[in-house]
Amino acid sequence: MPVLNRVSTNDGRNKMTTPTTVATSMATSAASSLASSASSSVASYPSLAGKTAFVSGGGSGIGAVIVAHLAQQGCRVAFCDVAVAPSAALVSRLAPATVRFYSCDVRDIAALRATLKAVEDELGAIAILVNNAARDDRHALEEVTPEYWDERQAVNLRHHFFAAQSVAPAMAKQGGGAIINMGSVSWMRGTPGMVAYTTAKAAISGLTRVLARELGSHNIRVNSVVPGAILTERQVELWLTPELEREFIDGQCLKFRLTENDVARAVVFLASDEARAITGHNLIVDGGLAQTSAG
């Protein structure tokens, strides 16, 4: 069995040079996303209090803000990530909420299964699973090898199924649960330069629909949240320019920058009993970016 390092509290384009002003702005935005997740203006879902939730890739970006939102709702939250330092910092920042960090690479299915078992042993049966871990690395079509293709599916798709398979029996035994898979509008828009990533994200839509049918008789709901142009710190460091940011906003129906909080709020809603009749759907959080109509 792999070693699980735990920290706990009580409780699509070519790489571009990022201007310092943009990076500084987005670093501030990321911090604000975590801070505002604790805002009293966020909707409260009493049905989530005391439930055990697990988020893959929860140490930074959208995943970290999802962890914060679930903790705010009173969930016992566990998350995994490969980045130890930011994950440990997140746990400290959210204290005294019940938050646990497990060091795990989701490409290693045996390690992922062991992590999920450890979470259930410590915090109880997982009622909310958020399959969030992913990497949207850019790659040229002609340079993709079979090995690279398989690795991209492992990090962006395969773990969604095996995590769901692992938690479903305990979810069914406790009377139901919610599985939220993280998609992307990149495949809907035909975004070039990342075909292995967009293929995986397209497959998540099909996986979500089939799992909803397979698990529905056990009162397990399965949905996908599909983010648009959410400019996380990683996006800023690798690809963002002021021109690209303007292009995203110009392409949206709604003319404002989307944040990790917009995605996290959708996840929390789908996890709650307020969404008790919703399953097998893609909830697109993109400000209208994937719209095909022209104004």
Protein backbone atom coordinates (compact mmCIF):
# COMPACT_ATOMS: atom_id res chain seq x y z
CA MET A 1 0.00 0.00 0.00
CA PRO A 2 1.38 3.45 -0.85
CA VAL A 3 2.40 5.86 1.88
CA LEU A 4 -0.20 8.57 2.46
CA ASN A 5 1.25 11.84 3.69
CA ARG A 6 -1.48 13.70 5.56
CA VAL A 7 -1.79 17.19 6.96
CA SER A 8 -4.84 17.91 9.08
CA THR A 9 -6.59 20.45 11.26
CA ASN A 10 -9.20 20.02 13.94
CA ASP A 11 -11.92 19.97 12.89
CA GLY A 12 -5.39 26.46 -25.43
CA ARG A 13 -2.44 28.22 -26.79
CA ASN A 14 1.34 28.33 -27.03
CA LYS A 15 3.23 29.43 -23.98
CA MET A 16 3.40 33.21 -23.70
CA THR A 17 5.34 35.62 -21.50
CA THR A 18 3.06 37.01 -18.81
CA PRO A 19 3.29 40.71 -17.96
CA THR A 20 4.06 41.33 -14.29
CA THR A 21 0.98 43.48 -13.86
CA VAL A 22 -1.32 40.70 -15.04
CA ALA A 23 0.37 38.10 -12.84
CA THR A 24 0.16 40.34 -9.79
CA SER A 25 -3.49 41.08 -10.48
CA MET A 26 -4.37 37.41 -10.80
CA ALA A 27 -2.40 36.38 -7.72
CA THR A 28 -4.49 38.90 -5.82
CA SER A 29 -7.63 37.50 -7.49
CA ALA A 30 -6.77 33.95 -6.43
CA ALA A 31 -6.30 35.05 -2.84
CA SER A 32 -9.57 36.94 -3.03
CA SER A 33 -11.36 33.82 -4.27
CA LEU A 34 -10.32 31.89 -1.18
CA ALA A 35 -11.15 34.81 1.09
CA SER A 36 -14.55 35.45 -0.46
CA SER A 37 -15.49 31.79 -0.13
CA ALA A 38 -15.91 32.59 3.56
CA SER A 39 -18.18 35.54 2.82
CA SER A 40 -21.58 35.63 4.47
CA SER A 41 -23.08 36.39 1.04
CA VAL A 42 -22.49 32.81 -0.11
CA ALA A 43 -25.65 30.66 -0.08
CA SER A 44 -25.98 28.23 2.81
CA TYR A 45 -26.98 24.61 2.23
CA PRO A 46 -27.86 22.99 5.58
CA SER A 47 -28.09 19.54 3.95
CA LEU A 48 -24.30 19.55 3.49
CA ALA A 49 -23.40 19.99 7.16
CA GLY A 50 -21.56 17.00 8.59
CA LYS A 51 -21.15 15.19 5.27
CA THR A 52 -17.81 13.85 4.11
CA ALA A 53 -16.55 15.31 0.82
CA PHE A 54 -13.51 14.41 -1.25
CA VAL A 55 -11.92 16.68 -3.88
CA SER A 56 -9.12 15.51 -6.17
CA GLY A 57 -6.60 18.16 -7.14
CA GLY A 58 -7.75 20.32 -4.25
CA GLY A 59 -4.48 22.00 -3.36
CA SER A 60 -4.66 24.99 -5.69
CA GLY A 61 -6.74 26.76 -8.31
CA ILE A 62 -10.40 25.84 -8.70
CA GLY A 63 -9.95 22.78 -6.50
CA ALA A 64 -8.72 24.80 -3.52
CA VAL A 65 -11.70 27.13 -3.71
CA ILE A 66 -14.07 24.15 -3.92
CA VAL A 67 -12.44 22.75 -0.77
CA ALA A 68 -12.95 26.11 0.97
CA HIS A 69 -16.60 26.34 -0.05
CA LEU A 70 -17.38 22.81 1.11
CA ALA A 71 -15.63 23.46 4.43
CA GLN A 72 -17.67 26.63 4.86
CA GLN A 73 -20.84 24.57 4.43
CA GLY A 74 -19.81 22.40 7.37
CA CYS A 75 -18.56 19.40 5.41
CA ARG A 76 -15.72 17.22 6.59
CA VAL A 77 -13.43 17.76 3.61
CA ALA A 78 -10.56 15.62 2.37
CA PHE A 79 -8.56 16.39 -0.74
CA CYS A 80 -5.60 15.00 -2.60
CA ASP A 81 -2.89 16.68 -4.62
CA VAL A 82 0.72 16.17 -5.69
CA ALA A 83 1.80 19.65 -4.53
CA VAL A 84 2.50 19.34 -0.81
CA ALA A 85 3.41 22.92 0.17
CA PRO A 86 0.31 24.73 -1.17
CA SER A 87 -1.91 21.92 0.08
CA ALA A 88 -0.53 22.14 3.61
CA ALA A 89 -0.91 25.92 3.47
CA LEU A 90 -4.56 25.54 2.46
CA VAL A 91 -5.25 23.28 5.42
CA SER A 92 -3.72 25.85 7.76
CA ARG A 93 -5.65 28.68 6.15
CA LEU A 94 -8.97 26.88 6.61
CA ALA A 95 -8.40 25.95 10.25
CA PRO A 96 -10.28 25.14 12.42
CA ALA A 97 -12.51 23.53 9.77
CA THR A 98 -12.27 19.76 9.41
CA VAL A 99 -9.95 19.48 6.43
CA ARG A 100 -7.53 16.68 5.55
CA PHE A 101 -4.85 16.62 2.87
CA TYR A 102 -3.55 13.37 1.34
CA SER A 103 -0.56 13.35 -0.99
CA CYS A 104 -1.66 11.28 -3.98
CA ASP A 105 -1.11 11.23 -7.74
CA VAL A 106 -4.46 10.37 -9.36
CA ARG A 107 -2.66 8.65 -12.25
CA ASP A 108 -1.81 5.90 -9.75
CA ILE A 109 -5.18 4.18 -9.36
CA ALA A 110 -3.97 1.89 -6.56
CA ALA A 111 -2.81 4.95 -4.59
CA LEU A 112 -6.08 6.74 -5.31
CA ARG A 113 -8.11 3.79 -4.07
CA ALA A 114 -5.96 3.59 -0.93
CA THR A 115 -6.45 7.30 -0.33
CA LEU A 116 -10.24 7.05 -0.66
CA LYS A 117 -10.24 4.09 1.75
CA ALA A 118 -8.16 6.07 4.24
CA VAL A 119 -10.58 8.99 4.01
CA GLU A 120 -13.56 6.73 4.69
CA ASP A 121 -11.77 5.13 7.63
CA GLU A 122 -11.04 8.51 9.20
CA LEU A 123 -13.98 10.73 8.24
CA GLY A 124 -16.73 8.28 7.34
CA ALA A 125 -18.33 7.26 4.06
CA ILE A 126 -17.82 9.80 1.29
CA ALA A 127 -21.13 11.46 0.41
CA ILE A 128 -19.72 14.01 -2.05
CA LEU A 129 -17.05 13.22 -4.64
CA VAL A 130 -15.59 16.03 -6.75
CA ASN A 131 -13.39 14.72 -9.56
CA ASN A 132 -11.41 17.89 -10.20
CA ALA A 133 -7.76 16.93 -10.83
CA ALA A 134 -6.55 17.77 -14.35
CA ARG A 135 -3.80 19.44 -16.37
CA ASP A 136 -4.52 21.48 -19.49
CA ASP A 137 -0.99 21.36 -20.91
CA ARG A 138 -0.74 22.58 -24.50
CA HIS A 139 0.68 20.24 -27.13
CA ALA A 140 1.17 20.26 -30.89
CA LEU A 141 -0.84 17.67 -32.82
CA GLU A 142 2.19 16.26 -34.63
CA GLU A 143 4.18 15.81 -31.41
CA VAL A 144 1.66 13.65 -29.52
CA THR A 145 2.98 10.11 -28.92
CA PRO A 146 0.94 7.10 -27.76
CA GLU A 147 2.65 7.37 -24.38
CA TYR A 148 1.80 11.07 -24.01
CA TRP A 149 -1.80 10.44 -25.10
CA ASP A 150 -2.25 7.70 -22.48
CA GLU A 151 -0.70 9.87 -19.76
CA ARG A 152 -3.06 12.76 -20.60
CA GLN A 153 -6.08 10.47 -20.36
CA ALA A 154 -4.77 9.17 -17.03
CA VAL A 155 -4.51 12.63 -15.49
CA ASN A 156 -7.64 14.13 -17.07
CA LEU A 157 -10.14 11.27 -17.38
CA ARG A 158 -9.36 7.81 -16.05
CA HIS A 159 -9.39 8.68 -12.35
CA HIS A 160 -12.94 10.07 -12.64
CA PHE A 161 -14.27 6.59 -13.30
CA PHE A 162 -12.17 4.72 -10.76
CA ALA A 163 -12.87 7.22 -7.97
CA ALA A 164 -16.61 6.92 -8.66
CA GLN A 165 -16.33 3.14 -8.74
CA SER A 166 -14.53 3.19 -5.39
CA VAL A 167 -16.97 5.41 -3.47
CA ALA A 168 -20.25 4.19 -4.98
CA PRO A 169 -20.79 1.15 -2.70
CA ALA A 170 -20.52 3.17 0.51
CA MET A 171 -22.63 5.97 -1.00
CA ALA A 172 -25.34 3.46 -1.86
CA LYS A 173 -25.21 1.92 1.60
CA GLN A 174 -25.78 5.31 3.25
CA GLY A 175 -28.74 6.09 1.01
CA GLY A 176 -27.17 8.10 -1.79
CA GLY A 177 -24.65 10.79 -2.62
CA ALA A 178 -23.41 13.22 -5.23
CA ILE A 179 -20.59 12.88 -7.75
CA ILE A 180 -19.47 16.00 -9.59
CA ASN A 181 -17.07 15.64 -12.51
CA MET A 182 -15.14 18.65 -13.76
CA GLY A 183 -15.43 19.26 -17.49
CA SER A 184 -14.33 22.13 -19.74
CA VAL A 185 -15.86 24.20 -22.53
CA SER A 186 -12.62 23.72 -24.48
CA TRP A 187 -14.01 20.73 -26.36
CA MET A 188 -17.31 22.52 -27.06
CA ARG A 189 -15.34 25.38 -28.63
CA GLY A 190 -12.95 23.11 -30.53
CA THR A 191 -9.97 24.75 -28.84
CA PRO A 192 -6.78 23.88 -30.77
CA GLY A 193 -3.38 23.01 -29.35
CA MET A 194 -4.61 20.60 -26.64
CA VAL A 195 -6.37 17.73 -28.40
CA ALA A 196 -5.56 15.11 -25.75
CA TYR A 197 -7.01 17.35 -23.03
CA THR A 198 -10.14 18.30 -24.95
CA THR A 199 -10.78 14.66 -25.86
CA ALA A 200 -10.66 13.70 -22.19
CA LYS A 201 -12.98 16.55 -21.22
CA ALA A 202 -15.46 15.58 -23.95
CA ALA A 203 -15.45 12.01 -22.64
CA ILE A 204 -16.35 13.25 -19.16
CA SER A 205 -19.72 14.37 -20.53
CA GLY A 206 -20.48 10.85 -21.72
CA LEU A 207 -19.13 9.28 -18.54
CA THR A 208 -21.34 11.54 -16.45
CA ARG A 209 -24.50 10.57 -18.31
CA VAL A 210 -23.81 6.84 -18.12
CA LEU A 211 -22.87 6.91 -14.43
CA ALA A 212 -26.05 8.87 -13.68
CA ARG A 213 -28.07 6.06 -15.25
CA GLU A 214 -26.02 3.29 -13.62
CA LEU A 215 -26.10 4.75 -10.11
CA GLY A 216 -29.46 6.50 -10.07
CA SER A 217 -31.29 3.54 -8.52
CA HIS A 218 -29.03 3.98 -5.47
CA ASN A 219 -29.97 7.69 -5.19
CA ILE A 220 -26.50 8.70 -6.34
CA ARG A 221 -26.59 11.79 -8.54
CA VAL A 222 -23.84 12.35 -11.11
CA ASN A 223 -23.35 15.70 -12.82
CA SER A 224 -20.60 17.65 -14.51
CA VAL A 225 -19.62 21.27 -13.94
CA VAL A 226 -18.13 22.74 -17.12
CA PRO A 227 -16.01 25.86 -16.50
CA GLY A 228 -15.21 28.46 -19.11
CA ALA A 229 -12.27 30.88 -18.99
CA ILE A 230 -11.41 30.69 -15.29
CA LEU A 231 -8.09 32.49 -15.04
CA THR A 232 -6.29 30.69 -12.23
CA GLU A 233 -2.73 31.43 -11.17
CA ARG A 234 -1.52 28.57 -13.39
CA GLN A 235 -3.25 30.08 -16.43
CA VAL A 236 -1.66 33.44 -15.71
CA GLU A 237 1.83 32.04 -15.25
CA LEU A 238 1.77 30.00 -18.46
CA TRP A 239 -0.50 31.58 -21.04
CA LEU A 240 -2.36 34.76 -20.15
CA THR A 241 -1.75 38.10 -21.83
CA PRO A 242 -3.96 41.19 -21.57
CA GLU A 243 -5.01 40.58 -25.18
CA LEU A 244 -6.07 37.00 -24.46
CA GLU A 245 -8.02 38.04 -21.38
CA ARG A 246 -9.83 40.67 -23.45
CA GLU A 247 -10.59 38.06 -26.11
CA PHE A 248 -12.20 35.79 -23.51
CA ILE A 249 -14.40 38.55 -22.12
CA ASP A 250 -15.34 39.74 -25.60
CA GLY A 251 -16.41 36.19 -26.44
CA GLN A 252 -18.60 35.86 -23.37
CA CYS A 253 -22.23 36.97 -23.24
CA LEU A 254 -21.54 38.31 -19.74
CA LYS A 255 -18.79 40.91 -19.74
CA PHE A 256 -16.85 40.20 -16.56
CA ARG A 257 -13.95 38.01 -15.53
CA LEU A 258 -15.05 34.64 -14.12
CA THR A 259 -13.39 33.40 -10.93
CA GLU A 260 -12.92 30.10 -9.15
CA ASN A 261 -15.80 31.08 -6.87
CA ASP A 262 -18.24 30.94 -9.78
CA VAL A 263 -17.31 27.30 -10.33
CA ALA A 264 -17.24 26.39 -6.64
CA ARG A 265 -20.74 27.76 -6.06
CA ALA A 266 -22.06 25.53 -8.83
CA VAL A 267 -20.32 22.50 -7.33
CA VAL A 268 -21.71 23.17 -3.85
CA PHE A 269 -25.23 23.57 -5.25
CA LEU A 270 -25.05 20.25 -7.11
CA ALA A 271 -23.72 18.55 -3.99
CA SER A 272 -26.64 19.79 -1.90
CA ASP A 273 -30.18 18.45 -1.53
CA GLU A 274 -31.39 21.54 -3.42
CA ALA A 275 -30.26 19.64 -6.54
CA ARG A 276 -31.97 16.39 -5.49
CA ALA A 277 -33.74 16.00 -8.86
CA ILE A 278 -30.76 16.92 -11.05
CA THR A 279 -28.56 14.18 -12.49
CA GLY A 280 -26.82 13.37 -15.76
CA HIS A 281 -26.36 17.01 -16.71
CA ASN A 282 -23.59 19.43 -17.64
CA LEU A 283 -23.83 22.70 -15.71
CA ILE A 284 -21.89 25.15 -17.87
CA VAL A 285 -20.28 28.02 -15.95
CA ASP A 286 -18.72 30.10 -18.71
CA GLY A 287 -20.52 33.45 -18.93
CA GLY A 288 -21.83 32.33 -22.32
CA LEU A 289 -18.38 31.72 -23.87
CA ALA A 290 -19.45 28.49 -25.57
CA GLN A 291 -22.53 30.05 -27.17
CA THR A 292 -22.60 29.51 -30.92
CA SER A 293 -25.06 32.30 -31.72
CA ALA A 294 -23.82 35.70 -32.89
CA GLY A 295 -25.23 39.00 -31.66
